[in-house]
Amino acid sequence: MNKPTQSPEPKVQISKPDDKELTKKELKSFVEEQVITKLGKPTELNFIRASNVFDNRWRVDVWCYFDSEETIMPSKCSNIKHSYFVHVDEHGKIVNSSPEIHKEY
């Protein structure tokens, strides 16, 4: 029986400094990594998500846990604690962000 094959991840024009072409998934991870490096890692970090808005512009949200006291039972909830719109260069490096990313952790 033939198994369906997955096509390889499409390559994008943006590359790391070593000129290796990045897949969209690799570029997404590279952008997320740069944000968390500049910001620092929050102790209550749940996850970070980068979404390509258009061209080389990304929205990056940092989701963190918090204790909710609005429920009958105490529970951990998650919300966006930091959100940035970033612009990356042809190598995938962040060149601009709004708001500016400052070391907080």
N, C-alpha and C. Protein backbone atom coordinates (compact mmCIF):
# COMPACT_ATOMS: atom_id res chain seq x y z
N MET A 1 0.84 -1.18 0.00
CA MET A 1 0.00 0.00 0.00
C MET A 1 0.88 1.24 0.00
N ASN A 2 0.57 2.18 -0.85
CA ASN A 2 1.38 3.40 -0.96
C ASN A 2 1.00 4.39 0.13
N LYS A 3 2.00 4.91 0.80
CA LYS A 3 1.79 5.95 1.80
C LYS A 3 1.94 7.30 1.13
N PRO A 4 1.09 8.26 1.51
CA PRO A 4 1.27 9.61 0.94
C PRO A 4 2.58 10.21 1.43
N THR A 5 3.26 10.86 0.55
CA THR A 5 4.54 11.49 0.93
C THR A 5 4.31 12.97 1.16
N GLN A 6 5.03 13.50 2.13
CA GLN A 6 4.94 14.93 2.40
C GLN A 6 5.96 15.65 1.54
N SER A 7 5.54 16.77 0.99
CA SER A 7 6.49 17.56 0.22
C SER A 7 7.39 18.29 1.20
N PRO A 8 8.63 18.55 0.82
CA PRO A 8 9.55 19.23 1.74
C PRO A 8 9.07 20.64 2.03
N GLU A 9 9.46 21.14 3.19
CA GLU A 9 9.11 22.50 3.62
C GLU A 9 9.64 23.49 2.58
N PRO A 10 8.80 24.43 2.10
CA PRO A 10 9.27 25.40 1.11
C PRO A 10 10.35 26.30 1.70
N LYS A 11 11.34 26.63 0.90
CA LYS A 11 12.42 27.50 1.34
C LYS A 11 12.02 28.95 1.13
N VAL A 12 12.53 29.81 1.99
CA VAL A 12 12.28 31.24 1.85
C VAL A 12 13.60 31.93 1.52
N GLN A 13 13.52 33.14 1.04
CA GLN A 13 14.70 33.86 0.61
C GLN A 13 15.58 34.33 1.75
N ILE A 14 15.01 34.45 2.95
CA ILE A 14 15.78 34.94 4.09
C ILE A 14 16.71 33.86 4.58
N SER A 15 17.91 34.26 4.99
CA SER A 15 18.89 33.28 5.44
C SER A 15 19.63 33.78 6.66
N LYS A 16 20.21 32.84 7.39
CA LYS A 16 21.05 33.17 8.53
C LYS A 16 22.38 33.71 8.01
N PRO A 17 23.22 34.27 8.90
CA PRO A 17 24.49 34.82 8.46
C PRO A 17 25.39 33.83 7.72
N ASP A 18 25.22 32.52 7.96
CA ASP A 18 26.06 31.55 7.25
C ASP A 18 25.53 31.27 5.85
N ASP A 19 24.52 32.07 5.40
CA ASP A 19 23.91 32.00 4.07
C ASP A 19 23.16 30.69 3.81
N LYS A 20 22.85 29.94 4.84
CA LYS A 20 22.03 28.75 4.69
C LYS A 20 20.58 29.20 4.56
N GLU A 21 19.87 28.73 3.54
CA GLU A 21 18.47 29.11 3.39
C GLU A 21 17.66 28.50 4.52
N LEU A 22 16.69 29.27 5.01
CA LEU A 22 15.84 28.81 6.10
C LEU A 22 14.46 28.43 5.58
N THR A 23 13.87 27.41 6.17
CA THR A 23 12.47 27.12 5.89
C THR A 23 11.65 28.12 6.69
N LYS A 24 10.37 28.20 6.39
CA LYS A 24 9.51 29.12 7.15
C LYS A 24 9.49 28.75 8.62
N LYS A 25 9.49 27.45 8.90
CA LYS A 25 9.47 26.99 10.29
C LYS A 25 10.77 27.38 11.01
N GLU A 26 11.90 27.24 10.32
CA GLU A 26 13.19 27.62 10.91
C GLU A 26 13.25 29.13 11.14
N LEU A 27 12.73 29.91 10.20
CA LEU A 27 12.73 31.36 10.34
C LEU A 27 11.86 31.79 11.52
N LYS A 28 10.69 31.16 11.65
CA LYS A 28 9.79 31.43 12.78
C LYS A 28 10.52 31.18 14.10
N SER A 29 11.19 30.05 14.21
CA SER A 29 11.94 29.70 15.42
C SER A 29 13.08 30.68 15.67
N PHE A 30 13.76 31.10 14.59
CA PHE A 30 14.87 32.04 14.70
C PHE A 30 14.39 33.39 15.24
N VAL A 31 13.23 33.87 14.76
CA VAL A 31 12.66 35.14 15.24
C VAL A 31 12.27 35.01 16.71
N GLU A 32 11.60 33.91 17.08
CA GLU A 32 11.21 33.69 18.47
C GLU A 32 12.43 33.65 19.39
N GLU A 33 13.47 32.97 18.95
CA GLU A 33 14.70 32.85 19.73
C GLU A 33 15.33 34.21 19.99
N GLN A 34 15.35 35.07 18.97
CA GLN A 34 15.94 36.40 19.13
C GLN A 34 15.15 37.25 20.13
N VAL A 35 13.81 37.17 20.08
CA VAL A 35 12.99 37.95 21.00
C VAL A 35 13.24 37.50 22.43
N ILE A 36 13.24 36.20 22.68
CA ILE A 36 13.42 35.71 24.04
C ILE A 36 14.83 35.98 24.54
N THR A 37 15.81 36.03 23.64
CA THR A 37 17.19 36.37 24.02
C THR A 37 17.27 37.83 24.45
N LYS A 38 16.62 38.72 23.69
CA LYS A 38 16.65 40.15 24.02
C LYS A 38 15.82 40.46 25.26
N LEU A 39 14.67 39.81 25.41
CA LEU A 39 13.76 40.06 26.53
C LEU A 39 14.23 39.37 27.81
N GLY A 40 14.80 38.20 27.67
CA GLY A 40 15.08 37.34 28.81
C GLY A 40 13.93 36.35 28.93
N LYS A 41 14.13 35.28 29.67
CA LYS A 41 13.09 34.26 29.77
C LYS A 41 12.28 34.47 31.05
N PRO A 42 10.99 34.83 30.91
CA PRO A 42 10.14 34.99 32.08
C PRO A 42 10.01 33.65 32.83
N THR A 43 10.01 33.70 34.15
CA THR A 43 9.89 32.47 34.93
C THR A 43 8.53 31.82 34.72
N GLU A 44 7.52 32.61 34.40
CA GLU A 44 6.18 32.08 34.20
C GLU A 44 5.85 31.85 32.72
N LEU A 45 6.87 31.74 31.87
CA LEU A 45 6.68 31.56 30.42
C LEU A 45 5.86 30.31 30.10
N ASN A 46 4.84 30.47 29.28
CA ASN A 46 4.07 29.34 28.76
C ASN A 46 4.61 29.00 27.37
N PHE A 47 4.54 29.96 26.44
CA PHE A 47 5.11 29.77 25.11
C PHE A 47 5.26 31.12 24.42
N ILE A 48 5.99 31.10 23.32
CA ILE A 48 6.19 32.30 22.50
C ILE A 48 5.74 31.93 21.09
N ARG A 49 5.04 32.85 20.42
CA ARG A 49 4.54 32.56 19.09
C ARG A 49 4.85 33.73 18.15
N ALA A 50 5.53 33.43 17.06
CA ALA A 50 5.80 34.42 16.02
C ALA A 50 4.91 34.11 14.82
N SER A 51 4.27 35.13 14.28
CA SER A 51 3.41 34.97 13.11
C SER A 51 3.86 35.96 12.05
N ASN A 52 4.11 35.46 10.85
CA ASN A 52 4.51 36.33 9.75
C ASN A 52 3.29 37.10 9.27
N VAL A 53 3.35 38.43 9.41
CA VAL A 53 2.23 39.27 9.02
C VAL A 53 2.28 39.53 7.52
N PHE A 54 3.42 39.99 7.03
CA PHE A 54 3.67 40.18 5.60
C PHE A 54 5.14 40.47 5.42
N ASP A 55 5.65 40.16 4.25
CA ASP A 55 7.06 40.36 3.91
C ASP A 55 7.95 39.92 5.07
N ASN A 56 8.78 40.81 5.55
CA ASN A 56 9.71 40.50 6.64
C ASN A 56 9.23 41.07 7.97
N ARG A 57 7.93 41.17 8.13
CA ARG A 57 7.35 41.74 9.34
C ARG A 57 6.59 40.65 10.10
N TRP A 58 6.85 40.61 11.42
CA TRP A 58 6.31 39.56 12.26
C TRP A 58 5.64 40.14 13.49
N ARG A 59 4.62 39.45 13.97
CA ARG A 59 4.04 39.73 15.29
C ARG A 59 4.53 38.61 16.19
N VAL A 60 5.09 39.00 17.34
CA VAL A 60 5.61 38.01 18.29
C VAL A 60 4.92 38.24 19.62
N ASP A 61 4.24 37.20 20.11
CA ASP A 61 3.54 37.26 21.39
C ASP A 61 4.22 36.33 22.39
N VAL A 62 4.42 36.83 23.61
CA VAL A 62 5.00 36.04 24.69
C VAL A 62 3.87 35.75 25.68
N TRP A 63 3.47 34.48 25.75
CA TRP A 63 2.37 34.05 26.61
C TRP A 63 2.93 33.58 27.93
N CYS A 64 2.37 34.08 29.04
CA CYS A 64 2.84 33.71 30.38
C CYS A 64 1.66 33.26 31.24
N TYR A 65 1.97 32.37 32.18
CA TYR A 65 0.98 31.89 33.13
C TYR A 65 0.72 32.95 34.20
N PHE A 66 -0.49 32.93 34.74
CA PHE A 66 -0.81 33.73 35.91
C PHE A 66 -1.87 32.96 36.71
N ASP A 67 -1.95 33.24 38.00
CA ASP A 67 -2.93 32.58 38.85
C ASP A 67 -4.25 33.34 38.76
N SER A 68 -5.29 32.63 38.39
CA SER A 68 -6.61 33.25 38.29
C SER A 68 -7.36 33.08 39.60
N GLU A 69 -7.87 34.16 40.10
CA GLU A 69 -8.67 34.12 41.33
C GLU A 69 -10.14 34.35 41.02
N GLU A 70 -10.47 34.38 39.73
CA GLU A 70 -11.86 34.62 39.33
C GLU A 70 -12.64 33.33 39.14
N THR A 71 -12.02 32.20 39.40
CA THR A 71 -12.71 30.92 39.25
C THR A 71 -12.97 30.32 40.63
N ILE A 72 -13.84 29.36 40.68
CA ILE A 72 -14.16 28.70 41.94
C ILE A 72 -12.94 28.00 42.50
N MET A 73 -12.23 27.30 41.63
CA MET A 73 -10.99 26.61 42.02
C MET A 73 -9.81 27.43 41.50
N PRO A 74 -8.79 27.60 42.32
CA PRO A 74 -7.60 28.30 41.82
C PRO A 74 -7.04 27.57 40.60
N SER A 75 -6.70 28.32 39.58
CA SER A 75 -6.18 27.67 38.37
C SER A 75 -5.15 28.55 37.69
N LYS A 76 -4.31 27.90 36.90
CA LYS A 76 -3.31 28.61 36.11
C LYS A 76 -3.96 28.97 34.77
N CYS A 77 -3.86 30.21 34.41
CA CYS A 77 -4.34 30.69 33.12
C CYS A 77 -3.15 31.29 32.38
N SER A 78 -3.37 31.61 31.13
CA SER A 78 -2.29 32.16 30.31
C SER A 78 -2.82 33.36 29.54
N ASN A 79 -1.96 34.39 29.43
CA ASN A 79 -2.31 35.55 28.60
C ASN A 79 -1.03 36.11 27.98
N ILE A 80 -1.23 37.04 27.05
CA ILE A 80 -0.09 37.67 26.39
C ILE A 80 0.49 38.73 27.32
N LYS A 81 1.72 38.51 27.77
CA LYS A 81 2.37 39.47 28.67
C LYS A 81 3.19 40.49 27.88
N HIS A 82 3.76 40.07 26.75
CA HIS A 82 4.54 40.96 25.89
C HIS A 82 4.13 40.69 24.44
N SER A 83 4.04 41.75 23.65
CA SER A 83 3.70 41.61 22.24
C SER A 83 4.52 42.63 21.45
N TYR A 84 5.10 42.17 20.34
CA TYR A 84 5.97 43.02 19.53
C TYR A 84 5.65 42.84 18.05
N PHE A 85 5.81 43.91 17.30
CA PHE A 85 5.83 43.83 15.84
C PHE A 85 7.29 44.04 15.46
N VAL A 86 7.87 43.04 14.80
CA VAL A 86 9.29 43.13 14.47
C VAL A 86 9.50 43.06 12.95
N HIS A 87 10.57 43.69 12.52
CA HIS A 87 10.99 43.69 11.12
C HIS A 87 12.35 43.02 11.07
N VAL A 88 12.50 42.03 10.19
CA VAL A 88 13.77 41.32 10.09
C VAL A 88 14.46 41.67 8.77
N ASP A 89 15.79 41.55 8.76
CA ASP A 89 16.55 41.82 7.54
C ASP A 89 16.60 40.58 6.66
N GLU A 90 17.38 40.64 5.59
CA GLU A 90 17.47 39.53 4.63
C GLU A 90 18.10 38.28 5.23
N HIS A 91 18.71 38.40 6.41
CA HIS A 91 19.32 37.25 7.08
C HIS A 91 18.43 36.70 8.20
N GLY A 92 17.28 37.33 8.42
CA GLY A 92 16.37 36.89 9.47
C GLY A 92 16.62 37.54 10.81
N LYS A 93 17.58 38.47 10.88
CA LYS A 93 17.87 39.15 12.15
C LYS A 93 16.92 40.31 12.37
N ILE A 94 16.49 40.49 13.61
CA ILE A 94 15.59 41.59 13.94
C ILE A 94 16.35 42.91 13.83
N VAL A 95 15.80 43.83 13.03
CA VAL A 95 16.41 45.15 12.86
C VAL A 95 15.59 46.25 13.52
N ASN A 96 14.31 45.98 13.78
CA ASN A 96 13.45 46.98 14.38
C ASN A 96 12.30 46.28 15.08
N SER A 97 11.84 46.86 16.18
CA SER A 97 10.67 46.31 16.84
C SER A 97 9.84 47.43 17.45
N SER A 98 8.55 47.19 17.53
CA SER A 98 7.65 48.15 18.14
C SER A 98 6.72 47.38 19.08
N PRO A 99 6.76 47.66 20.37
CA PRO A 99 7.72 48.54 21.04
C PRO A 99 9.11 47.91 21.04
N GLU A 100 10.10 48.71 21.41
CA GLU A 100 11.47 48.21 21.48
C GLU A 100 11.55 47.11 22.54
N ILE A 101 12.34 46.09 22.25
CA ILE A 101 12.50 44.97 23.19
C ILE A 101 13.63 45.29 24.17
N HIS A 102 13.27 45.32 25.44
CA HIS A 102 14.26 45.60 26.50
C HIS A 102 14.45 44.35 27.35
N LYS A 103 15.63 44.17 27.89
CA LYS A 103 15.92 43.06 28.81
C LYS A 103 15.10 43.27 30.07
N GLU A 104 14.22 42.32 30.39
CA GLU A 104 13.38 42.44 31.59
C GLU A 104 13.60 41.28 32.56
N TYR A 105 14.20 40.21 32.09
CA TYR A 105 14.35 39.02 32.95
C TYR A 105 15.79 38.54 32.96
